[in-house]
Amino acid sequence: MTSATTTEPRRKRTAMEVVRSIRQPKVAVTLGLGFASGLPFLLTQNTLGYWLRDEGTSLKVIGFISWVGMAYVLKPFWAPIVDRVDVPLLARLGRRRGWMLLSQIIVAAGLVGMAAVGPSGGLTAIGAFAVMVAFASATQDIVIDAWRIEAASDSDEMGLLSSAAQLGYRIAILIADAAIIAGAAHFGWPASYVAMAVLMGIGVAATLLGFEPARAEAVMHDKAPLWTPRGFFDAIVGPFVDFFATHKGLGLLMLAAIAAYRLPDFLMGPMYNPYYHDLGLTKDTVAVVRAATGLPGAFIGIAVSGLCAVRFGLFRTLIVGSVLQGLGTAAFALLTLSQDVGLFTAVMALDNFAQAFAGVALVAYMSSLTGLGYTATQYALLSSTYAFLGKFLKGFSGAVVDGLAQTQGLMGAYATAWIGTGLTAIPPILLVLLLARLSRPREETPPAAA
């Protein structure tokens, strides 16, 4: 089994070689695919929460409806199908691109459905379309992650493509988290959601302009068909057997560290936009500040994370990312003391930088743990591992704030929740430190963002 981390010793690339690598068409394709991956994510969760809060929906209901994002956690259950089965009618595009195009079309259709029914059509109806978008988006993530890993010719290029995907993802998050709010203020939420559906065309274009990666082709040809007992067993059980055969007992510690790593980002996720609403910040203010800090924060966070990974290694970069996430999340409590636009901008800038920094470090680390032949399923397992705990617990975020508000008032409840969430960065820091200590004898030079 060839692991993504198993590479021949080679010289480091020069600065000019790195620049030339950035100009490859596959980097632009990965940027577009990263954009398509990031766009639907908040539209069924945080952004939807803002829309629901505008319509007077309670924080408790907003928290629970965020559970539609559990679709991203369940990815390993159908990832083996994405790994082994071609999409009917789209097989000529190749397995990876066929699944990409199908999922992108379903995402766009689901967003139009959400726009058509809206909260006034009932929470069940808009929730059903949100689930449709979330499952299609999760499927898209499975195949884009597999394509990104398989399209890379070596670990350095894997880091480059990971950075391109993260940059595209962050640009899309900015649009789905800021531009859509400005659009909603002037044109209404339904029109804004339709605009998001149209923007999925960027992902469609990237899919059509991309190529079918051949690096894993030889490995896949040696595998039995999915419909045979041997092929079915290999598709379902093989990725897990291969992962633990490669990483031995450290595999469980790796999964624990990954599961806890993004808790500061996830736990209060559904409360961000209701928080801004309850602070009295206008949609235009939120949109302008997000636009001003989002893209620069993403650029700088991605670049600094990549440099840190190259210079200091992935484990140290993961630790710094966790510290930054905790500080960035806890800093939101300051807004309960003052709604000054300058303070709001500083808090948002720190949070955007922290999330971009930590995101690149985690994506590069998880990518390094996958093996050819099981790329989609193993990465789906790892990414669902990091999402499961946070996405489950965040469903209770509204109930927690409502409960604390009974004794501390609404702003006091928010402040306590932000600080408590920031402290959840401590467990992953300890786990990564332990993992680094136990992995030291066979420490590798990790793929990193360029």
Protein backbone atom coordinates (compact mmCIF):
# COMPACT_ATOMS: atom_id res chain seq x y z
CA MET A 1 0.00 0.00 0.00
CA THR A 2 1.50 3.33 -1.02
CA SER A 3 0.98 6.05 1.54
CA ALA A 4 0.84 9.71 0.66
CA THR A 5 3.68 10.27 3.08
CA THR A 6 6.00 7.69 1.46
CA THR A 7 8.22 9.56 -0.97
CA GLU A 8 11.73 9.22 -2.34
CA PRO A 9 14.34 11.51 -0.74
CA ARG A 10 14.71 14.58 -2.94
CA ARG A 11 16.19 18.03 -2.95
CA LYS A 12 14.13 20.99 -1.79
CA ARG A 13 12.58 23.14 -4.48
CA THR A 14 14.01 26.53 -5.25
CA ALA A 15 11.89 29.68 -4.97
CA MET A 16 11.58 29.88 -8.76
CA GLU A 17 10.44 26.27 -8.96
CA VAL A 18 7.75 27.00 -6.40
CA VAL A 19 6.61 30.03 -8.41
CA ARG A 20 6.46 27.92 -11.57
CA SER A 21 4.44 25.30 -9.70
CA ILE A 22 1.87 27.92 -8.71
CA ARG A 23 1.33 28.69 -12.40
CA GLN A 24 0.22 25.12 -13.18
CA PRO A 25 -3.37 24.83 -14.50
CA LYS A 26 -4.17 22.27 -11.78
CA VAL A 27 -3.61 24.96 -9.14
CA ALA A 28 -6.27 27.19 -10.71
CA VAL A 29 -8.63 24.20 -10.98
CA THR A 30 -8.04 23.38 -7.31
CA LEU A 31 -8.76 27.01 -6.40
CA GLY A 32 -12.13 26.78 -8.19
CA LEU A 33 -12.95 23.43 -6.60
CA GLY A 34 -12.04 24.79 -3.17
CA PHE A 35 -14.45 27.66 -3.81
CA ALA A 36 -17.24 25.23 -4.72
CA SER A 37 -16.50 23.21 -1.59
CA GLY A 38 -16.68 26.22 0.74
CA LEU A 39 -19.72 27.99 -0.71
CA PRO A 40 -22.54 25.71 0.54
CA PHE A 41 -21.03 25.09 3.98
CA LEU A 42 -22.38 28.13 5.86
CA LEU A 43 -25.53 28.45 3.74
CA THR A 44 -27.11 25.52 5.58
CA GLN A 45 -25.75 26.54 8.99
CA ASN A 46 -24.49 29.94 10.23
CA THR A 47 -25.90 32.04 7.38
CA LEU A 48 -29.19 30.18 7.53
CA GLY A 49 -29.21 30.99 11.26
CA TYR A 50 -29.04 34.71 10.47
CA TRP A 51 -31.99 34.37 8.10
CA LEU A 52 -33.96 32.42 10.70
CA ARG A 53 -33.15 34.93 13.44
CA ASP A 54 -34.39 37.73 11.18
CA GLU A 55 -37.68 35.84 11.05
CA GLY A 56 -37.85 35.61 14.86
CA THR A 57 -36.74 31.98 15.25
CA SER A 58 -35.47 31.11 18.75
CA LEU A 59 -31.78 30.46 19.46
CA LYS A 60 -32.62 26.93 20.61
CA VAL A 61 -34.26 26.06 17.28
CA ILE A 62 -31.41 27.68 15.33
CA GLY A 63 -28.93 25.58 17.28
CA PHE A 64 -30.79 22.35 16.62
CA ILE A 65 -31.38 23.04 12.93
CA SER A 66 -27.61 23.37 12.54
CA TRP A 67 -27.54 19.58 12.87
CA VAL A 68 -28.17 19.39 9.14
CA GLY A 69 -24.39 19.80 9.04
CA MET A 70 -24.08 16.27 10.47
CA ALA A 71 -24.16 15.21 6.81
CA TYR A 72 -20.47 16.12 6.72
CA VAL A 73 -19.84 13.70 9.59
CA LEU A 74 -21.57 10.77 7.88
CA LYS A 75 -19.38 10.96 4.76
CA PRO A 76 -17.49 7.69 5.41
CA PHE A 77 -20.73 5.72 4.96
CA TRP A 78 -21.00 6.51 1.24
CA ALA A 79 -17.38 7.46 0.51
CA PRO A 80 -16.59 3.85 -0.59
CA ILE A 81 -19.18 4.23 -3.35
CA VAL A 82 -17.56 7.48 -4.49
CA ASP A 83 -14.19 5.71 -4.44
CA ARG A 84 -15.30 2.72 -6.52
CA VAL A 85 -18.40 3.50 -8.63
CA ASP A 86 -18.76 5.71 -11.71
CA VAL A 87 -21.72 8.09 -11.99
CA PRO A 88 -24.23 6.89 -14.62
CA LEU A 89 -24.36 9.18 -17.69
CA LEU A 90 -21.31 11.12 -16.45
CA ALA A 91 -18.76 8.30 -16.59
CA ARG A 92 -17.07 9.84 -19.63
CA LEU A 93 -15.83 12.65 -17.37
CA GLY A 94 -14.10 10.09 -15.16
CA ARG A 95 -15.08 8.89 -11.70
CA ARG A 96 -13.85 11.92 -9.75
CA ARG A 97 -15.16 14.59 -12.11
CA GLY A 98 -18.46 12.77 -12.63
CA TRP A 99 -19.20 12.82 -8.91
CA MET A 100 -18.10 16.45 -8.68
CA LEU A 101 -20.50 17.59 -11.40
CA LEU A 102 -23.46 15.61 -10.02
CA SER A 103 -23.01 16.95 -6.49
CA GLN A 104 -22.58 20.54 -7.73
CA ILE A 105 -25.82 20.38 -9.69
CA ILE A 106 -27.70 19.05 -6.65
CA VAL A 107 -26.21 21.75 -4.39
CA ALA A 108 -27.35 24.49 -6.77
CA ALA A 109 -30.85 22.98 -7.04
CA GLY A 110 -31.11 22.72 -3.24
CA LEU A 111 -30.11 26.37 -2.75
CA VAL A 112 -32.79 27.45 -5.21
CA GLY A 113 -35.27 25.32 -3.26
CA MET A 114 -34.28 27.02 0.01
CA ALA A 115 -34.78 30.40 -1.65
CA ALA A 116 -38.18 29.36 -3.01
CA VAL A 117 -39.70 28.14 0.28
CA GLY A 118 -37.90 30.34 2.86
CA PRO A 119 -38.71 30.24 6.60
CA SER A 120 -42.26 31.35 5.81
CA GLY A 121 -42.79 28.01 4.07
CA GLY A 122 -42.14 26.24 7.35
CA LEU A 123 -38.98 25.03 9.07
CA THR A 124 -39.61 21.49 7.81
CA ALA A 125 -39.57 22.54 4.15
CA ILE A 126 -36.51 24.78 4.30
CA GLY A 127 -34.82 22.22 6.56
CA ALA A 128 -35.41 19.47 3.99
CA PHE A 129 -33.75 21.53 1.25
CA ALA A 130 -30.90 22.37 3.64
CA VAL A 131 -30.36 18.64 4.25
CA MET A 132 -30.33 18.09 0.48
CA VAL A 133 -27.66 20.78 0.07
CA ALA A 134 -25.62 19.47 3.00
CA PHE A 135 -25.52 15.87 1.73
CA ALA A 136 -24.65 16.94 -1.81
CA SER A 137 -22.01 19.31 -0.46
CA ALA A 138 -20.53 16.54 1.72
CA THR A 139 -20.36 14.28 -1.34
CA GLN A 140 -18.63 17.04 -3.26
CA ASP A 141 -16.10 17.37 -0.44
CA ILE A 142 -15.35 13.63 -0.55
CA VAL A 143 -14.47 13.69 -4.21
CA ILE A 144 -12.68 17.07 -4.25
CA ASP A 145 -10.46 16.00 -1.36
CA ALA A 146 -9.65 12.74 -3.16
CA TRP A 147 -8.96 14.59 -6.42
CA ARG A 148 -6.69 17.10 -4.68
CA ILE A 149 -4.58 14.38 -3.09
CA GLU A 150 -4.41 12.19 -6.21
CA ALA A 151 -3.70 15.10 -8.56
CA ALA A 152 -0.54 16.00 -6.62
CA SER A 153 2.66 14.48 -8.00
CA ASP A 154 4.50 14.63 -4.65
CA SER A 155 4.13 15.85 -1.06
CA ASP A 156 5.32 19.38 -1.89
CA GLU A 157 2.67 19.67 -4.59
CA MET A 158 0.10 18.21 -2.21
CA GLY A 159 0.83 21.11 0.11
CA LEU A 160 0.52 23.55 -2.78
CA LEU A 161 -2.85 22.16 -3.86
CA SER A 162 -4.03 22.06 -0.24
CA SER A 163 -3.21 25.77 0.03
CA ALA A 164 -5.02 26.55 -3.24
CA ALA A 165 -8.07 24.61 -2.07
CA GLN A 166 -8.04 26.38 1.30
CA LEU A 167 -7.75 29.78 -0.36
CA GLY A 168 -10.70 29.06 -2.65
CA TYR A 169 -12.62 27.70 0.34
CA ARG A 170 -11.93 30.85 2.38
CA ILE A 171 -12.99 33.14 -0.47
CA ALA A 172 -16.26 31.22 -0.73
CA ILE A 173 -16.77 31.37 3.05
CA LEU A 174 -16.32 35.14 2.87
CA ILE A 175 -18.98 35.39 0.16
CA ALA A 176 -21.38 33.06 1.99
CA ASP A 177 -20.72 34.84 5.28
CA ALA A 178 -20.43 38.50 4.29
CA ALA A 179 -21.49 39.29 0.72
CA ILE A 180 -24.73 37.37 1.14
CA ILE A 181 -25.60 39.42 4.25
CA ALA A 182 -25.11 42.67 2.34
CA GLY A 183 -27.20 41.20 -0.46
CA ALA A 184 -29.92 40.18 1.99
CA ALA A 185 -30.03 43.71 3.41
CA HIS A 186 -30.69 45.23 -0.02
CA PHE A 187 -32.33 42.48 -2.11
CA GLY A 188 -33.68 39.99 0.44
CA TRP A 189 -32.57 36.53 1.50
CA PRO A 190 -34.25 34.54 -1.32
CA ALA A 191 -32.51 36.52 -4.08
CA SER A 192 -29.21 36.18 -2.24
CA TYR A 193 -29.54 32.39 -2.03
CA VAL A 194 -30.33 32.19 -5.74
CA ALA A 195 -27.15 34.19 -6.38
CA MET A 196 -25.21 31.59 -4.37
CA ALA A 197 -26.68 28.84 -6.55
CA VAL A 198 -25.43 30.68 -9.64
CA LEU A 199 -21.95 30.98 -8.13
CA MET A 200 -21.76 27.18 -7.95
CA GLY A 201 -21.08 27.54 -11.67
CA ILE A 202 -17.47 28.31 -10.72
CA GLY A 203 -17.15 24.78 -9.39
CA VAL A 204 -18.82 23.35 -12.48
CA ALA A 205 -16.33 25.21 -14.70
CA ALA A 206 -13.39 23.94 -12.62
CA THR A 207 -14.73 20.38 -12.90
CA LEU A 208 -15.08 20.59 -16.68
CA LEU A 209 -11.64 22.21 -17.11
CA GLY A 210 -9.94 19.75 -14.77
CA PHE A 211 -8.50 16.32 -15.50
CA GLU A 212 -9.00 12.84 -14.13
CA PRO A 213 -6.02 12.04 -11.88
CA ALA A 214 -4.06 8.97 -12.97
CA ARG A 215 -1.74 8.58 -9.96
CA ALA A 216 -4.06 6.14 -8.18
CA GLU A 217 -5.30 4.45 -11.37
CA ALA A 218 -2.90 1.49 -11.23
CA VAL A 219 -3.79 0.80 -7.60
CA MET A 220 -7.53 0.97 -8.30
CA HIS A 221 -7.24 -1.36 -11.33
CA ASP A 222 -5.79 -4.07 -9.09
CA LYS A 223 -8.82 -4.03 -6.81
CA ALA A 224 -11.80 -6.35 -7.15
CA PRO A 225 -15.12 -4.80 -8.32
CA LEU A 226 -17.31 -3.34 -5.58
CA TRP A 227 -20.16 -5.79 -6.24
CA THR A 228 -18.00 -8.84 -5.47
CA PRO A 229 -17.63 -10.01 -1.83
CA ARG A 230 -13.90 -9.33 -1.90
CA GLY A 231 -14.36 -5.89 -3.49
CA PHE A 232 -17.14 -4.92 -1.07
CA PHE A 233 -15.06 -5.97 1.94
CA ASP A 234 -12.03 -4.08 0.64
CA ALA A 235 -14.06 -0.93 -0.05
CA ILE A 236 -15.74 -0.89 3.37
CA VAL A 237 -13.13 -2.39 5.69
CA GLY A 238 -9.94 -1.97 3.67
CA PRO A 239 -9.46 1.78 4.35
CA PHE A 240 -9.61 1.21 8.11
CA VAL A 241 -7.34 -1.84 8.01
CA ASP A 242 -4.83 0.04 5.87
CA PHE A 243 -4.91 3.12 8.12
CA PHE A 244 -4.22 1.22 11.33
CA ALA A 245 -1.73 -1.10 9.64
CA THR A 246 0.22 1.99 8.57
CA HIS A 247 -0.05 4.02 11.77
CA LYS A 248 -0.42 1.20 14.33
CA GLY A 249 -1.49 2.30 17.84
CA LEU A 250 -0.82 5.95 17.01
CA GLY A 251 -3.87 5.84 14.75
CA LEU A 252 -6.26 6.18 17.69
CA LEU A 253 -4.31 9.10 19.10
CA MET A 254 -4.29 10.75 15.67
CA LEU A 255 -8.08 10.42 15.45
CA ALA A 256 -8.54 11.82 18.97
CA ALA A 257 -6.35 14.85 18.21
CA ILE A 258 -8.15 15.46 14.91
CA ALA A 259 -11.58 15.11 16.57
CA ALA A 260 -10.76 17.75 19.19
CA TYR A 261 -8.79 20.15 16.98
CA ARG A 262 -11.57 22.33 15.59
CA LEU A 263 -13.80 22.48 18.70
CA PRO A 264 -13.16 26.23 19.23
CA ASP A 265 -14.35 26.87 15.67
CA PHE A 266 -17.41 24.61 15.73
CA LEU A 267 -19.04 24.82 19.16
CA MET A 268 -20.50 28.32 18.89
CA GLY A 269 -20.84 28.24 15.10
CA PRO A 270 -24.65 28.60 14.97
CA MET A 271 -24.49 31.58 17.36
CA TYR A 272 -22.17 33.90 15.42
CA ASN A 273 -24.82 35.59 13.30
CA PRO A 274 -27.54 35.65 15.99
CA TYR A 275 -24.88 37.20 18.24
CA TYR A 276 -24.29 40.04 15.78
CA HIS A 277 -28.05 40.48 15.48
CA ASP A 278 -28.48 40.65 19.26
CA LEU A 279 -25.54 43.07 19.61
CA GLY A 280 -27.45 45.45 17.35
CA LEU A 281 -24.86 45.44 14.55
CA THR A 282 -26.40 46.20 11.16
CA LYS A 283 -26.10 43.78 8.26
CA ASP A 284 -24.07 46.35 6.31
CA THR A 285 -21.60 46.73 9.19
CA VAL A 286 -21.16 42.97 9.52
CA ALA A 287 -20.76 42.56 5.77
CA VAL A 288 -18.21 45.38 5.43
CA VAL A 289 -16.09 44.21 8.37
CA ARG A 290 -16.16 40.62 7.17
CA ALA A 291 -15.19 41.69 3.66
CA ALA A 292 -12.38 43.89 4.98
CA THR A 293 -10.89 41.21 7.23
CA GLY A 294 -11.91 37.92 5.62
CA LEU A 295 -9.78 37.72 2.49
CA PRO A 296 -6.64 39.37 3.94
CA GLY A 297 -6.95 37.15 7.00
CA ALA A 298 -7.26 34.06 4.81
CA PHE A 299 -4.29 35.02 2.62
CA ILE A 300 -2.03 35.82 5.56
CA GLY A 301 -3.18 32.85 7.65
CA ILE A 302 -2.63 30.40 4.80
CA ALA A 303 0.79 31.84 3.94
CA VAL A 304 2.04 31.99 7.53
CA SER A 305 0.76 28.48 8.27
CA GLY A 306 2.57 27.14 5.24
CA LEU A 307 5.81 28.87 6.18
CA CYS A 308 5.56 27.60 9.76
CA ALA A 309 4.96 24.05 8.57
CA VAL A 310 8.03 24.19 6.32
CA ARG A 311 10.24 25.84 8.92
CA PHE A 312 9.05 24.20 12.15
CA GLY A 313 7.09 21.09 11.09
CA LEU A 314 3.42 20.21 11.18
CA PHE A 315 3.12 19.34 14.87
CA ARG A 316 4.37 22.74 16.02
CA THR A 317 2.17 24.41 13.42
CA LEU A 318 -0.86 22.46 14.67
CA ILE A 319 -0.15 23.59 18.24
CA VAL A 320 0.15 27.25 17.23
CA GLY A 321 -3.06 26.92 15.21
CA SER A 322 -4.92 25.53 18.22
CA VAL A 323 -3.70 28.35 20.47
CA LEU A 324 -4.77 30.93 17.88
CA GLN A 325 -8.21 29.33 17.52
CA GLY A 326 -8.79 29.47 21.28
CA LEU A 327 -7.74 33.12 21.52
CA GLY A 328 -9.72 34.09 18.41
CA THR A 329 -12.92 32.50 19.71
CA ALA A 330 -12.62 33.84 23.26
CA ALA A 331 -12.00 37.35 21.87
CA PHE A 332 -15.65 37.54 20.75
CA ALA A 333 -16.59 37.98 24.41
CA LEU A 334 -15.04 41.47 24.24
CA LEU A 335 -17.89 42.60 21.98
CA THR A 336 -20.31 42.30 24.91
CA LEU A 337 -18.41 45.19 26.52
CA SER A 338 -18.26 47.40 23.45
CA GLN A 339 -19.77 47.26 19.97
CA ASP A 340 -17.12 49.65 18.62
CA VAL A 341 -16.53 48.93 14.92
CA GLY A 342 -12.75 49.08 15.44
CA LEU A 343 -12.91 46.39 18.13
CA PHE A 344 -15.27 44.30 16.00
CA THR A 345 -12.81 44.57 13.09
CA ALA A 346 -9.86 43.52 15.27
CA VAL A 347 -11.73 40.51 16.65
CA MET A 348 -12.85 39.44 13.17
CA ALA A 349 -9.32 39.86 11.79
CA LEU A 350 -7.85 37.67 14.53
CA ASP A 351 -10.53 35.02 14.03
CA ASN A 352 -10.10 34.91 10.24
CA PHE A 353 -6.32 34.62 10.56
CA ALA A 354 -6.62 31.90 13.22
CA GLN A 355 -9.12 29.80 11.30
CA ALA A 356 -7.13 29.99 8.05
CA PHE A 357 -3.88 29.14 9.85
CA ALA A 358 -5.37 26.17 11.70
CA GLY A 359 -7.34 25.00 8.67
CA VAL A 360 -4.28 24.67 6.42
CA ALA A 361 -2.30 22.87 9.13
CA LEU A 362 -5.07 20.34 9.74
CA VAL A 363 -5.80 19.73 6.05
CA ALA A 364 -2.12 19.17 5.27
CA TYR A 365 -1.76 16.81 8.23
CA MET A 366 -4.85 14.75 7.34
CA SER A 367 -3.82 14.60 3.68
CA SER A 368 -0.44 13.17 4.71
CA LEU A 369 -2.17 10.27 6.48
CA THR A 370 -4.09 8.88 3.47
CA GLY A 371 -3.04 6.02 1.19
CA LEU A 372 -3.59 5.57 -2.55
CA GLY A 373 -6.46 3.25 -3.36
CA TYR A 374 -8.44 4.46 -0.34
CA THR A 375 -8.01 8.21 -0.73
CA ALA A 376 -11.66 9.28 -0.72
CA THR A 377 -12.74 6.97 2.09
CA GLN A 378 -9.74 7.59 4.37
CA TYR A 379 -9.87 11.36 4.00
CA ALA A 380 -13.65 11.25 4.51
CA LEU A 381 -13.02 9.30 7.72
CA LEU A 382 -10.46 11.83 8.93
CA SER A 383 -12.50 14.90 7.99
CA SER A 384 -15.66 13.47 9.53
CA THR A 385 -13.66 12.66 12.67
CA TYR A 386 -12.65 16.30 13.08
CA ALA A 387 -16.23 17.41 12.39
CA PHE A 388 -18.27 14.90 14.40
CA LEU A 389 -17.78 16.04 17.99
CA GLY A 390 -18.00 19.76 17.24
CA LYS A 391 -20.98 19.46 14.91
CA PHE A 392 -22.89 17.35 17.41
CA LEU A 393 -22.18 19.59 20.38
CA LYS A 394 -22.86 22.83 18.52
CA GLY A 395 -26.50 21.83 18.19
CA PHE A 396 -26.82 22.61 21.91
CA SER A 397 -25.18 26.04 21.61
CA GLY A 398 -28.48 27.91 21.50
CA ALA A 399 -29.83 25.99 24.49
CA VAL A 400 -26.63 26.73 26.44
CA VAL A 401 -26.84 30.48 25.74
CA ASP A 402 -30.55 30.53 26.57
CA GLY A 403 -29.88 28.63 29.80
CA LEU A 404 -27.03 30.91 30.89
CA ALA A 405 -29.15 33.95 30.05
CA GLN A 406 -31.57 33.04 32.84
CA THR A 407 -28.97 34.01 35.45
CA GLN A 408 -26.39 36.11 33.57
CA GLY A 409 -28.50 38.02 31.09
CA LEU A 410 -28.16 37.56 27.32
CA MET A 411 -24.84 39.39 26.91
CA GLY A 412 -23.35 37.74 29.99
CA ALA A 413 -24.42 34.36 28.63
CA TYR A 414 -22.78 35.07 25.30
CA ALA A 415 -19.53 36.17 27.01
CA THR A 416 -19.36 33.04 29.16
CA ALA A 417 -20.06 30.83 26.15
CA TRP A 418 -17.33 32.44 24.02
CA ILE A 419 -14.69 32.17 26.76
CA GLY A 420 -15.66 28.58 27.58
CA THR A 421 -15.47 27.64 23.93
CA GLY A 422 -12.04 29.24 23.63
CA LEU A 423 -10.79 27.03 26.47
CA THR A 424 -11.64 23.91 24.44
CA ALA A 425 -8.37 24.56 22.58
CA ILE A 426 -6.47 23.09 25.56
CA PRO A 427 -7.28 19.36 24.99
CA PRO A 428 -6.10 19.31 21.34
CA ILE A 429 -2.89 21.12 22.33
CA LEU A 430 -2.14 18.39 24.87
CA LEU A 431 -3.02 15.62 22.39
CA VAL A 432 -0.81 17.07 19.64
CA LEU A 433 2.07 17.44 22.11
CA LEU A 434 1.72 13.77 23.05
CA LEU A 435 1.42 12.76 19.40
CA ALA A 436 4.54 14.73 18.53
CA ARG A 437 6.49 13.09 21.34
CA LEU A 438 5.45 9.56 20.35
CA SER A 439 5.98 10.22 16.63
CA ARG A 440 9.41 11.81 17.01
CA PRO A 441 11.47 8.75 16.03
CA ARG A 442 9.79 8.59 12.63
CA GLU A 443 8.90 12.26 12.19
CA GLU A 444 8.48 13.23 8.58
CA THR A 445 8.82 16.47 6.70
CA PRO A 446 5.13 17.31 6.18
CA PRO A 447 3.43 18.70 3.11
CA ALA A 448 2.77 22.37 3.68
CA ALA A 449 1.08 25.35 2.16
CA ALA A 450 3.21 27.28 -0.30
